[in-house]
Amino acid sequence: MIPVKRKLLLCLITAILIFLMYYHMFLGPVLTEIDLSLRNIAAYQATVSNIQNKQKEIDDMQKRVEQVKRSLLEKREELPEDLDSFDLIHLLSAANANQLIRHSAIFLEPIICEDFLILPVRLSFSTDNLGLSKFLLALEDLENRPTISYLRIAADEITENSQNVMKKSRKIMYNLDVEMTINFYVKGKDE
């Protein structure tokens, strides 16, 4: 009986050794290769997903670019055909420029862009902080809204304080010397 148990034990150990050799020689490398392949597939899927996300971003950006182009074309169509110095003075008077103490208004050389012209006007005036605020708000409300490409402000403090009023009700005002370049836009001349 001992030899049968020994044979059985020997067969069992041999089967285990054969399985371990099979696993080590064949099954282990195959499983490692499968694991590497699965990792590569996961990396490729992540790359594809990333590419799809980037493609969506590019499509969204292209849509935004098209919207901006349409908006620019609409803005260009809204530009006046031509403005001369009289028209610019009229626009500035519509912006309450007549309430400012003007020192000068210089019409600078027009800037030619691809499909529009910029007509810059250099203004120099004096006012207080409230007058400047009103002027800037009035510029924003103009139909042909200009831009400001240069602005320099020098301020001197003026205080208003009556003899019988306490210090906390003191109002601070400023005399402002302002120099600015306002740009008006018109449609370009087709040559």
N, C-alpha and C. Protein backbone atom coordinates (compact mmCIF):
# COMPACT_ATOMS: atom_id res chain seq x y z
N MET A 1 0.78 -1.19 0.00
CA MET A 1 0.00 0.00 0.00
C MET A 1 0.84 1.27 0.00
N ILE A 2 1.94 1.13 0.58
CA ILE A 2 2.82 2.27 0.60
C ILE A 2 3.27 2.61 -0.82
N PRO A 3 3.59 1.63 -1.63
CA PRO A 3 4.00 2.00 -2.96
C PRO A 3 2.88 2.69 -3.73
N VAL A 4 1.63 2.36 -3.51
CA VAL A 4 0.52 3.02 -4.23
C VAL A 4 0.42 4.47 -3.76
N LYS A 5 0.56 4.71 -2.47
CA LYS A 5 0.50 6.08 -1.95
C LYS A 5 1.68 6.89 -2.50
N ARG A 6 2.81 6.20 -2.58
CA ARG A 6 3.97 6.87 -3.09
C ARG A 6 3.79 7.23 -4.57
N LYS A 7 3.23 6.30 -5.32
CA LYS A 7 2.98 6.55 -6.74
C LYS A 7 1.99 7.72 -6.91
N LEU A 8 0.99 7.70 -6.07
CA LEU A 8 -0.01 8.76 -6.14
C LEU A 8 0.62 10.10 -5.78
N LEU A 9 1.43 10.13 -4.74
CA LEU A 9 2.11 11.35 -4.32
C LEU A 9 3.08 11.80 -5.41
N LEU A 10 3.80 10.84 -5.97
CA LEU A 10 4.74 11.15 -7.03
C LEU A 10 4.00 11.70 -8.26
N CYS A 11 2.89 11.12 -8.59
CA CYS A 11 2.07 11.62 -9.72
C CYS A 11 1.56 13.03 -9.43
N LEU A 12 1.14 13.24 -8.21
CA LEU A 12 0.61 14.56 -7.83
C LEU A 12 1.72 15.61 -7.90
N ILE A 13 2.89 15.30 -7.37
CA ILE A 13 4.02 16.24 -7.41
C ILE A 13 4.44 16.47 -8.86
N THR A 14 4.44 15.41 -9.68
CA THR A 14 4.80 15.55 -11.09
C THR A 14 3.78 16.43 -11.81
N ALA A 15 2.51 16.25 -11.50
CA ALA A 15 1.46 17.07 -12.14
C ALA A 15 1.62 18.54 -11.74
N ILE A 16 1.93 18.76 -10.46
CA ILE A 16 2.13 20.15 -10.00
C ILE A 16 3.35 20.75 -10.67
N LEU A 17 4.43 19.99 -10.75
CA LEU A 17 5.64 20.49 -11.41
C LEU A 17 5.38 20.78 -12.89
N ILE A 18 4.65 19.90 -13.56
CA ILE A 18 4.33 20.12 -14.98
C ILE A 18 3.47 21.37 -15.12
N PHE A 19 2.50 21.55 -14.24
CA PHE A 19 1.65 22.76 -14.30
C PHE A 19 2.47 24.02 -14.06
N LEU A 20 3.38 23.97 -13.05
CA LEU A 20 4.22 25.14 -12.78
C LEU A 20 5.13 25.43 -13.96
N MET A 21 5.71 24.41 -14.57
CA MET A 21 6.55 24.63 -15.74
C MET A 21 5.72 25.17 -16.90
N TYR A 22 4.53 24.61 -17.08
CA TYR A 22 3.64 25.10 -18.15
C TYR A 22 3.29 26.57 -17.89
N TYR A 23 2.98 26.88 -16.65
CA TYR A 23 2.62 28.27 -16.30
C TYR A 23 3.82 29.18 -16.52
N HIS A 24 4.99 28.77 -16.03
CA HIS A 24 6.18 29.59 -16.14
C HIS A 24 6.65 29.73 -17.59
N MET A 25 6.60 28.68 -18.36
CA MET A 25 7.13 28.70 -19.71
C MET A 25 6.13 29.23 -20.74
N PHE A 26 4.87 28.90 -20.60
CA PHE A 26 3.90 29.25 -21.64
C PHE A 26 2.81 30.21 -21.16
N LEU A 27 2.13 29.86 -20.11
CA LEU A 27 0.98 30.64 -19.67
C LEU A 27 1.39 31.99 -19.09
N GLY A 28 2.47 32.06 -18.32
CA GLY A 28 2.94 33.32 -17.72
C GLY A 28 3.26 34.37 -18.76
N PRO A 29 4.09 34.05 -19.75
CA PRO A 29 4.39 35.04 -20.80
C PRO A 29 3.15 35.45 -21.59
N VAL A 30 2.25 34.50 -21.83
CA VAL A 30 1.02 34.84 -22.55
C VAL A 30 0.18 35.81 -21.72
N LEU A 31 0.05 35.54 -20.43
CA LEU A 31 -0.72 36.45 -19.56
C LEU A 31 -0.05 37.82 -19.46
N THR A 32 1.29 37.84 -19.39
CA THR A 32 2.01 39.11 -19.37
C THR A 32 1.78 39.87 -20.67
N GLU A 33 1.83 39.15 -21.79
CA GLU A 33 1.59 39.78 -23.10
C GLU A 33 0.16 40.31 -23.19
N ILE A 34 -0.78 39.54 -22.68
CA ILE A 34 -2.18 40.00 -22.67
C ILE A 34 -2.32 41.24 -21.81
N ASP A 35 -1.66 41.26 -20.65
CA ASP A 35 -1.72 42.43 -19.76
C ASP A 35 -1.13 43.66 -20.45
N LEU A 36 0.03 43.49 -21.10
CA LEU A 36 0.63 44.62 -21.84
C LEU A 36 -0.29 45.09 -22.97
N SER A 37 -0.89 44.13 -23.66
CA SER A 37 -1.81 44.50 -24.75
C SER A 37 -3.02 45.26 -24.21
N LEU A 38 -3.54 44.84 -23.06
CA LEU A 38 -4.68 45.55 -22.46
C LEU A 38 -4.28 46.96 -22.03
N ARG A 39 -3.07 47.10 -21.50
CA ARG A 39 -2.59 48.44 -21.13
C ARG A 39 -2.46 49.32 -22.37
N ASN A 40 -1.90 48.76 -23.43
CA ASN A 40 -1.76 49.52 -24.68
C ASN A 40 -3.13 49.92 -25.22
N ILE A 41 -4.07 49.00 -25.17
CA ILE A 41 -5.43 49.31 -25.65
C ILE A 41 -6.03 50.43 -24.81
N ALA A 42 -5.84 50.37 -23.49
CA ALA A 42 -6.37 51.43 -22.63
C ALA A 42 -5.71 52.77 -22.96
N ALA A 43 -4.40 52.76 -23.22
CA ALA A 43 -3.70 53.99 -23.58
C ALA A 43 -4.21 54.52 -24.92
N TYR A 44 -4.41 53.62 -25.88
CA TYR A 44 -4.93 54.04 -27.18
C TYR A 44 -6.35 54.60 -27.05
N GLN A 45 -7.17 53.96 -26.22
CA GLN A 45 -8.53 54.47 -26.00
C GLN A 45 -8.50 55.85 -25.36
N ALA A 46 -7.59 56.05 -24.40
CA ALA A 46 -7.46 57.36 -23.78
C ALA A 46 -7.01 58.40 -24.81
N THR A 47 -6.08 58.00 -25.68
CA THR A 47 -5.61 58.91 -26.73
C THR A 47 -6.74 59.24 -27.70
N VAL A 48 -7.51 58.24 -28.10
CA VAL A 48 -8.65 58.47 -29.00
C VAL A 48 -9.67 59.39 -28.33
N SER A 49 -9.93 59.16 -27.06
CA SER A 49 -10.87 60.01 -26.34
C SER A 49 -10.35 61.44 -26.26
N ASN A 50 -9.05 61.58 -26.00
CA ASN A 50 -8.44 62.89 -25.95
C ASN A 50 -8.52 63.59 -27.30
N ILE A 51 -8.27 62.84 -28.37
CA ILE A 51 -8.36 63.40 -29.72
C ILE A 51 -9.79 63.84 -30.02
N GLN A 52 -10.77 63.03 -29.61
CA GLN A 52 -12.17 63.39 -29.84
C GLN A 52 -12.53 64.66 -29.06
N ASN A 53 -12.03 64.77 -27.83
CA ASN A 53 -12.29 65.98 -27.05
C ASN A 53 -11.65 67.20 -27.70
N LYS A 54 -10.41 67.04 -28.18
CA LYS A 54 -9.73 68.14 -28.86
C LYS A 54 -10.46 68.51 -30.14
N GLN A 55 -10.98 67.51 -30.84
CA GLN A 55 -11.73 67.78 -32.07
C GLN A 55 -13.00 68.57 -31.76
N LYS A 56 -13.66 68.21 -30.65
CA LYS A 56 -14.85 68.98 -30.24
C LYS A 56 -14.47 70.41 -29.91
N GLU A 57 -13.32 70.59 -29.21
CA GLU A 57 -12.86 71.94 -28.90
C GLU A 57 -12.56 72.72 -30.17
N ILE A 58 -11.92 72.07 -31.14
CA ILE A 58 -11.62 72.73 -32.41
C ILE A 58 -12.90 73.11 -33.13
N ASP A 59 -13.87 72.20 -33.14
CA ASP A 59 -15.15 72.51 -33.78
C ASP A 59 -15.84 73.69 -33.09
N ASP A 60 -15.82 73.69 -31.76
CA ASP A 60 -16.41 74.81 -31.02
C ASP A 60 -15.68 76.12 -31.33
N MET A 61 -14.35 76.05 -31.40
CA MET A 61 -13.58 77.25 -31.72
C MET A 61 -13.88 77.74 -33.12
N GLN A 62 -14.03 76.80 -34.07
CA GLN A 62 -14.36 77.19 -35.43
C GLN A 62 -15.74 77.84 -35.49
N LYS A 63 -16.68 77.32 -34.70
CA LYS A 63 -18.01 77.94 -34.65
C LYS A 63 -17.91 79.35 -34.08
N ARG A 64 -17.10 79.51 -33.01
CA ARG A 64 -16.94 80.84 -32.42
C ARG A 64 -16.26 81.79 -33.40
N VAL A 65 -15.27 81.28 -34.15
CA VAL A 65 -14.60 82.12 -35.15
C VAL A 65 -15.60 82.57 -36.21
N GLU A 66 -16.45 81.65 -36.65
CA GLU A 66 -17.47 82.00 -37.64
C GLU A 66 -18.45 83.04 -37.08
N GLN A 67 -18.82 82.87 -35.81
CA GLN A 67 -19.71 83.85 -35.17
C GLN A 67 -19.04 85.21 -35.10
N VAL A 68 -17.76 85.24 -34.74
CA VAL A 68 -17.03 86.51 -34.66
C VAL A 68 -16.91 87.13 -36.04
N LYS A 69 -16.65 86.30 -37.07
CA LYS A 69 -16.58 86.82 -38.43
C LYS A 69 -17.90 87.44 -38.85
N ARG A 70 -19.00 86.72 -38.57
CA ARG A 70 -20.32 87.26 -38.91
C ARG A 70 -20.58 88.56 -38.16
N SER A 71 -20.20 88.57 -36.88
CA SER A 71 -20.40 89.78 -36.08
C SER A 71 -19.58 90.95 -36.63
N LEU A 72 -18.33 90.65 -37.03
CA LEU A 72 -17.49 91.71 -37.61
C LEU A 72 -18.07 92.22 -38.92
N LEU A 73 -18.58 91.29 -39.74
CA LEU A 73 -19.20 91.73 -41.00
C LEU A 73 -20.43 92.59 -40.73
N GLU A 74 -21.23 92.20 -39.73
CA GLU A 74 -22.39 93.01 -39.36
C GLU A 74 -21.95 94.38 -38.88
N LYS A 75 -20.91 94.41 -38.04
CA LYS A 75 -20.40 95.70 -37.54
C LYS A 75 -19.87 96.54 -38.70
N ARG A 76 -19.19 95.89 -39.64
CA ARG A 76 -18.66 96.63 -40.78
C ARG A 76 -19.79 97.23 -41.60
N GLU A 77 -20.87 96.46 -41.77
CA GLU A 77 -22.01 96.96 -42.54
C GLU A 77 -22.68 98.14 -41.83
N GLU A 78 -22.58 98.16 -40.50
CA GLU A 78 -23.18 99.25 -39.74
C GLU A 78 -22.33 100.52 -39.77
N LEU A 79 -21.08 100.40 -40.20
CA LEU A 79 -20.20 101.57 -40.23
C LEU A 79 -20.70 102.57 -41.27
N PRO A 80 -20.55 103.84 -40.97
CA PRO A 80 -20.95 104.83 -41.96
C PRO A 80 -20.03 104.79 -43.18
N GLU A 81 -20.56 105.24 -44.31
CA GLU A 81 -19.78 105.23 -45.55
C GLU A 81 -18.62 106.23 -45.48
N ASP A 82 -18.88 107.40 -44.92
CA ASP A 82 -17.85 108.44 -44.92
C ASP A 82 -18.13 109.41 -43.78
N LEU A 83 -17.09 109.87 -43.16
CA LEU A 83 -17.19 110.91 -42.14
C LEU A 83 -16.12 111.95 -42.45
N ASP A 84 -16.49 113.22 -42.33
CA ASP A 84 -15.48 114.27 -42.46
C ASP A 84 -15.34 114.97 -41.12
N SER A 85 -14.51 115.98 -41.06
CA SER A 85 -14.25 116.65 -39.79
C SER A 85 -15.52 117.28 -39.22
N PHE A 86 -16.40 117.78 -40.09
CA PHE A 86 -17.66 118.35 -39.60
C PHE A 86 -18.51 117.28 -38.93
N ASP A 87 -18.58 116.09 -39.55
CA ASP A 87 -19.34 114.98 -38.96
C ASP A 87 -18.76 114.57 -37.61
N LEU A 88 -17.45 114.52 -37.52
CA LEU A 88 -16.80 114.15 -36.26
C LEU A 88 -17.08 115.18 -35.18
N ILE A 89 -17.04 116.47 -35.54
CA ILE A 89 -17.36 117.52 -34.56
C ILE A 89 -18.81 117.39 -34.13
N HIS A 90 -19.68 117.07 -35.06
CA HIS A 90 -21.10 116.87 -34.72
C HIS A 90 -21.25 115.68 -33.76
N LEU A 91 -20.54 114.57 -34.03
CA LEU A 91 -20.61 113.41 -33.13
C LEU A 91 -20.08 113.75 -31.74
N LEU A 92 -19.00 114.52 -31.70
CA LEU A 92 -18.45 114.90 -30.40
C LEU A 92 -19.38 115.84 -29.64
N SER A 93 -20.07 116.71 -30.37
CA SER A 93 -21.03 117.59 -29.68
C SER A 93 -22.21 116.78 -29.17
N ALA A 94 -22.56 115.69 -29.88
CA ALA A 94 -23.62 114.81 -29.39
C ALA A 94 -23.18 114.09 -28.13
N ALA A 95 -21.87 114.00 -27.90
CA ALA A 95 -21.34 113.35 -26.71
C ALA A 95 -21.05 114.35 -25.60
N ASN A 96 -21.76 115.47 -25.60
CA ASN A 96 -21.62 116.51 -24.56
C ASN A 96 -20.21 117.08 -24.50
N ALA A 97 -19.51 117.10 -25.62
CA ALA A 97 -18.18 117.70 -25.63
C ALA A 97 -18.26 119.21 -25.49
N ASN A 98 -19.43 119.77 -25.74
CA ASN A 98 -19.58 121.21 -25.60
C ASN A 98 -19.58 121.66 -24.13
N GLN A 99 -19.69 120.73 -23.20
CA GLN A 99 -19.66 121.08 -21.77
C GLN A 99 -18.24 121.03 -21.22
N LEU A 100 -17.26 120.74 -22.07
CA LEU A 100 -15.87 120.66 -21.66
C LEU A 100 -15.16 121.96 -22.03
N ILE A 101 -14.12 122.27 -21.31
CA ILE A 101 -13.29 123.42 -21.67
C ILE A 101 -12.22 122.88 -22.62
N ARG A 102 -12.46 123.05 -23.92
CA ARG A 102 -11.59 122.46 -24.93
C ARG A 102 -10.35 123.32 -25.14
N HIS A 103 -9.23 122.62 -25.28
CA HIS A 103 -7.99 123.29 -25.60
C HIS A 103 -7.67 123.09 -27.08
N SER A 104 -7.88 121.86 -27.57
CA SER A 104 -7.61 121.60 -28.98
C SER A 104 -8.32 120.34 -29.43
N ALA A 105 -8.56 120.30 -30.74
CA ALA A 105 -9.09 119.10 -31.41
C ALA A 105 -8.28 118.95 -32.69
N ILE A 106 -7.47 117.92 -32.76
CA ILE A 106 -6.59 117.70 -33.92
C ILE A 106 -7.05 116.44 -34.64
N PHE A 107 -7.29 116.59 -35.93
CA PHE A 107 -7.70 115.46 -36.75
C PHE A 107 -6.42 114.83 -37.31
N LEU A 108 -6.10 113.63 -36.81
CA LEU A 108 -4.88 112.95 -37.21
C LEU A 108 -5.07 112.23 -38.55
N GLU A 109 -3.97 111.77 -39.10
CA GLU A 109 -3.99 111.07 -40.38
C GLU A 109 -4.81 109.78 -40.27
N PRO A 110 -5.74 109.52 -41.20
CA PRO A 110 -6.53 108.28 -41.13
C PRO A 110 -5.64 107.04 -41.22
N ILE A 111 -6.06 106.00 -40.52
CA ILE A 111 -5.34 104.72 -40.54
C ILE A 111 -6.13 103.78 -41.42
N ILE A 112 -5.47 103.26 -42.46
CA ILE A 112 -6.14 102.39 -43.42
C ILE A 112 -5.96 100.94 -42.96
N CYS A 113 -7.05 100.27 -42.73
CA CYS A 113 -7.02 98.85 -42.38
C CYS A 113 -7.54 98.07 -43.58
N GLU A 114 -7.67 96.78 -43.43
CA GLU A 114 -8.02 95.92 -44.56
C GLU A 114 -9.33 96.33 -45.23
N ASP A 115 -10.39 96.49 -44.45
CA ASP A 115 -11.68 96.83 -45.05
C ASP A 115 -12.41 97.95 -44.32
N PHE A 116 -11.67 98.74 -43.55
CA PHE A 116 -12.25 99.91 -42.90
C PHE A 116 -11.16 100.94 -42.64
N LEU A 117 -11.59 102.15 -42.33
CA LEU A 117 -10.66 103.24 -42.00
C LEU A 117 -10.87 103.64 -40.55
N ILE A 118 -9.80 104.05 -39.91
CA ILE A 118 -9.88 104.60 -38.56
C ILE A 118 -9.56 106.08 -38.69
N LEU A 119 -10.47 106.91 -38.19
CA LEU A 119 -10.27 108.35 -38.20
C LEU A 119 -9.99 108.81 -36.77
N PRO A 120 -8.72 109.00 -36.40
CA PRO A 120 -8.39 109.39 -35.04
C PRO A 120 -8.50 110.91 -34.85
N VAL A 121 -9.02 111.29 -33.68
CA VAL A 121 -9.12 112.69 -33.30
C VAL A 121 -8.45 112.83 -31.95
N ARG A 122 -7.46 113.72 -31.84
CA ARG A 122 -6.77 113.97 -30.58
C ARG A 122 -7.45 115.17 -29.92
N LEU A 123 -8.04 114.95 -28.75
CA LEU A 123 -8.71 116.00 -27.99
C LEU A 123 -7.90 116.35 -26.77
N SER A 124 -7.90 117.63 -26.45
CA SER A 124 -7.28 118.10 -25.22
C SER A 124 -8.29 119.04 -24.58
N PHE A 125 -8.67 118.75 -23.33
CA PHE A 125 -9.67 119.57 -22.66
C PHE A 125 -9.49 119.51 -21.15
N SER A 126 -10.20 120.41 -20.48
CA SER A 126 -10.22 120.42 -19.02
C SER A 126 -11.66 120.24 -18.56
N THR A 127 -11.82 119.57 -17.46
CA THR A 127 -13.15 119.34 -16.89
C THR A 127 -12.97 118.86 -15.46
N ASP A 128 -14.06 118.52 -14.81
CA ASP A 128 -13.96 117.88 -13.49
C ASP A 128 -14.26 116.39 -13.66
N ASN A 129 -14.17 115.63 -12.57
CA ASN A 129 -14.35 114.18 -12.68
C ASN A 129 -15.76 113.82 -13.13
N LEU A 130 -16.76 114.58 -12.74
CA LEU A 130 -18.13 114.31 -13.17
C LEU A 130 -18.29 114.59 -14.67
N GLY A 131 -17.69 115.67 -15.14
CA GLY A 131 -17.76 116.01 -16.57
C GLY A 131 -17.09 114.95 -17.44
N LEU A 132 -15.96 114.42 -16.98
CA LEU A 132 -15.28 113.37 -17.74
C LEU A 132 -16.13 112.10 -17.78
N SER A 133 -16.73 111.76 -16.65
CA SER A 133 -17.60 110.56 -16.61
C SER A 133 -18.76 110.71 -17.57
N LYS A 134 -19.41 111.88 -17.56
CA LYS A 134 -20.54 112.10 -18.47
C LYS A 134 -20.10 112.04 -19.93
N PHE A 135 -18.92 112.59 -20.23
CA PHE A 135 -18.42 112.58 -21.60
C PHE A 135 -18.17 111.15 -22.07
N LEU A 136 -17.53 110.35 -21.22
CA LEU A 136 -17.24 108.96 -21.60
C LEU A 136 -18.52 108.15 -21.76
N LEU A 137 -19.50 108.37 -20.89
CA LEU A 137 -20.79 107.67 -21.04
C LEU A 137 -21.49 108.09 -22.33
N ALA A 138 -21.41 109.40 -22.65
CA ALA A 138 -22.03 109.88 -23.88
C ALA A 138 -21.33 109.31 -25.11
N LEU A 139 -19.99 109.14 -25.05
CA LEU A 139 -19.28 108.51 -26.17
C LEU A 139 -19.76 107.08 -26.38
N GLU A 140 -20.01 106.38 -25.29
CA GLU A 140 -20.46 105.00 -25.38
C GLU A 140 -21.86 104.91 -25.98
N ASP A 141 -22.67 105.94 -25.79
CA ASP A 141 -24.04 105.92 -26.29
C ASP A 141 -24.15 106.36 -27.76
N LEU A 142 -23.05 106.81 -28.37
CA LEU A 142 -23.11 107.24 -29.77
C LEU A 142 -23.47 106.06 -30.66
N GLU A 143 -24.17 106.34 -31.74
CA GLU A 143 -24.55 105.28 -32.69
C GLU A 143 -23.31 104.66 -33.32
N ASN A 144 -22.39 105.50 -33.75
CA ASN A 144 -21.11 105.04 -34.29
C ASN A 144 -20.11 105.08 -33.13
N ARG A 145 -20.12 104.02 -32.32
CA ARG A 145 -19.34 104.01 -31.07
C ARG A 145 -17.84 104.02 -31.37
N PRO A 146 -17.13 105.04 -30.90
CA PRO A 146 -15.69 105.11 -31.11
C PRO A 146 -14.93 104.32 -30.04
N THR A 147 -13.63 104.20 -30.25
CA THR A 147 -12.75 103.62 -29.23
C THR A 147 -11.75 104.68 -28.81
N ILE A 148 -11.17 104.48 -27.65
CA ILE A 148 -10.15 105.40 -27.15
C ILE A 148 -8.83 104.65 -27.15
N SER A 149 -7.87 105.16 -27.95
CA SER A 149 -6.58 104.47 -28.05
C SER A 149 -5.51 105.12 -27.18
N TYR A 150 -5.77 106.33 -26.72
CA TYR A 150 -4.79 107.01 -25.87
C TYR A 150 -5.57 107.88 -24.89
N LEU A 151 -5.15 107.82 -23.63
CA LEU A 151 -5.81 108.64 -22.61
C LEU A 151 -4.78 109.02 -21.56
N ARG A 152 -4.64 110.33 -21.33
CA ARG A 152 -3.75 110.84 -20.30
C ARG A 152 -4.54 111.84 -19.47
N ILE A 153 -4.50 111.66 -18.15
CA ILE A 153 -5.26 112.54 -17.25
C ILE A 153 -4.30 113.08 -16.20
N ALA A 154 -4.32 114.38 -16.04
CA ALA A 154 -3.59 115.03 -14.95
C ALA A 154 -4.65 115.66 -14.03
N ALA A 155 -4.52 115.43 -12.73
CA ALA A 155 -5.56 115.87 -11.79
C ALA A 155 -5.00 116.82 -10.75
N ASP A 156 -5.77 117.87 -10.45
CA ASP A 156 -5.50 118.79 -9.34
C ASP A 156 -6.72 118.74 -8.43
N GLU A 157 -6.48 118.63 -7.13
CA GLU A 157 -7.59 118.52 -6.18
C GLU A 157 -8.17 119.90 -5.86
N ILE A 158 -9.49 119.96 -5.87
CA ILE A 158 -10.23 121.14 -5.41
C ILE A 158 -11.11 120.66 -4.28
N THR A 159 -11.15 121.35 -3.20
CA THR A 159 -12.01 120.94 -2.10
C THR A 159 -13.09 121.99 -1.90
N GLU A 160 -14.28 121.49 -1.65
CA GLU A 160 -15.40 122.39 -1.33
C GLU A 160 -15.74 122.14 0.13
N ASN A 161 -15.63 123.17 0.95
CA ASN A 161 -15.93 123.02 2.36
C ASN A 161 -16.37 124.37 2.89
N SER A 162 -17.58 124.44 3.36
CA SER A 162 -18.04 125.70 3.93
C SER A 162 -17.54 125.80 5.37
N GLN A 163 -17.58 127.00 5.94
CA GLN A 163 -17.03 127.25 7.26
C GLN A 163 -17.75 126.48 8.36
N ASN A 164 -19.08 126.31 8.25
CA ASN A 164 -19.86 125.73 9.34
C ASN A 164 -20.12 124.23 9.18
N VAL A 165 -19.58 123.62 8.16
CA VAL A 165 -19.85 122.21 7.92
C VAL A 165 -18.72 121.39 8.52
N MET A 166 -19.09 120.25 9.15
CA MET A 166 -18.07 119.40 9.76
C MET A 166 -17.23 118.72 8.69
N LYS A 167 -16.08 118.23 9.08
CA LYS A 167 -15.10 117.69 8.15
C LYS A 167 -15.58 116.46 7.38
N LYS A 168 -16.45 115.62 7.96
CA LYS A 168 -16.84 114.39 7.28
C LYS A 168 -17.76 114.64 6.08
N SER A 169 -18.38 115.80 5.96
CA SER A 169 -19.23 116.08 4.80
C SER A 169 -18.45 116.77 3.69
N ARG A 170 -17.16 116.82 3.83
CA ARG A 170 -16.30 117.47 2.85
C ARG A 170 -16.35 116.70 1.52
N LYS A 171 -16.51 117.42 0.43
CA LYS A 171 -16.60 116.83 -0.90
C LYS A 171 -15.30 117.12 -1.64
N ILE A 172 -14.71 116.07 -2.25
CA ILE A 172 -13.46 116.26 -2.98
C ILE A 172 -13.77 116.22 -4.47
N MET A 173 -13.35 117.23 -5.17
CA MET A 173 -13.52 117.32 -6.61
C MET A 173 -12.13 117.49 -7.21
N TYR A 174 -12.01 117.18 -8.50
CA TYR A 174 -10.72 117.29 -9.17
C TYR A 174 -10.87 118.08 -10.44
N ASN A 175 -9.92 118.97 -10.70
CA ASN A 175 -9.77 119.59 -12.01
C ASN A 175 -8.94 118.62 -12.83
N LEU A 176 -9.45 118.23 -13.96
CA LEU A 176 -8.75 117.25 -14.79
C LEU A 176 -8.32 117.88 -16.10
N ASP A 177 -7.05 117.73 -16.42
CA ASP A 177 -6.56 118.07 -17.76
C ASP A 177 -6.46 116.74 -18.50
N VAL A 178 -7.24 116.61 -19.57
CA VAL A 178 -7.37 115.34 -20.27
C VAL A 178 -6.85 115.49 -21.69
N GLU A 179 -6.07 114.50 -22.11
CA GLU A 179 -5.66 114.40 -23.51
C GLU A 179 -6.00 112.98 -23.94
N MET A 180 -6.75 112.86 -25.03
CA MET A 180 -7.18 111.53 -25.48
C MET A 180 -7.25 111.47 -26.99
N THR A 181 -7.08 110.27 -27.51
CA THR A 181 -7.27 110.03 -28.93
C THR A 181 -8.50 109.14 -29.08
N ILE A 182 -9.48 109.67 -29.79
CA ILE A 182 -10.72 108.94 -30.03
C ILE A 182 -10.70 108.47 -31.47
N ASN A 183 -10.99 107.18 -31.67
CA ASN A 183 -10.97 106.60 -33.02
C ASN A 183 -12.39 106.34 -33.50
N PHE A 184 -12.72 106.95 -34.65
CA PHE A 184 -14.00 106.70 -35.30
C PHE A 184 -13.75 105.77 -36.48
N TYR A 185 -14.71 104.92 -36.78
CA TYR A 185 -14.53 103.91 -37.83
C TYR A 185 -15.50 104.16 -38.97
N VAL A 186 -14.99 104.02 -40.20
CA VAL A 186 -15.82 104.12 -41.40
C VAL A 186 -15.45 102.99 -42.33
N LYS A 187 -16.35 102.71 -43.28
CA LYS A 187 -16.09 101.65 -44.27
C LYS A 187 -14.90 102.06 -45.12
N GLY A 188 -14.12 101.08 -45.50
CA GLY A 188 -12.97 101.32 -46.36
C GLY A 188 -13.40 101.63 -47.77
N LYS A 189 -12.55 102.33 -48.47
CA LYS A 189 -12.81 102.66 -49.87
C LYS A 189 -12.40 101.48 -50.74
N ASP A 190 -13.29 101.02 -51.59
CA ASP A 190 -12.96 99.93 -52.52
C ASP A 190 -12.11 100.50 -53.64
N GLU A 191 -10.93 99.94 -53.81
CA GLU A 191 -10.02 100.47 -54.83
C GLU A 191 -9.96 99.57 -56.02
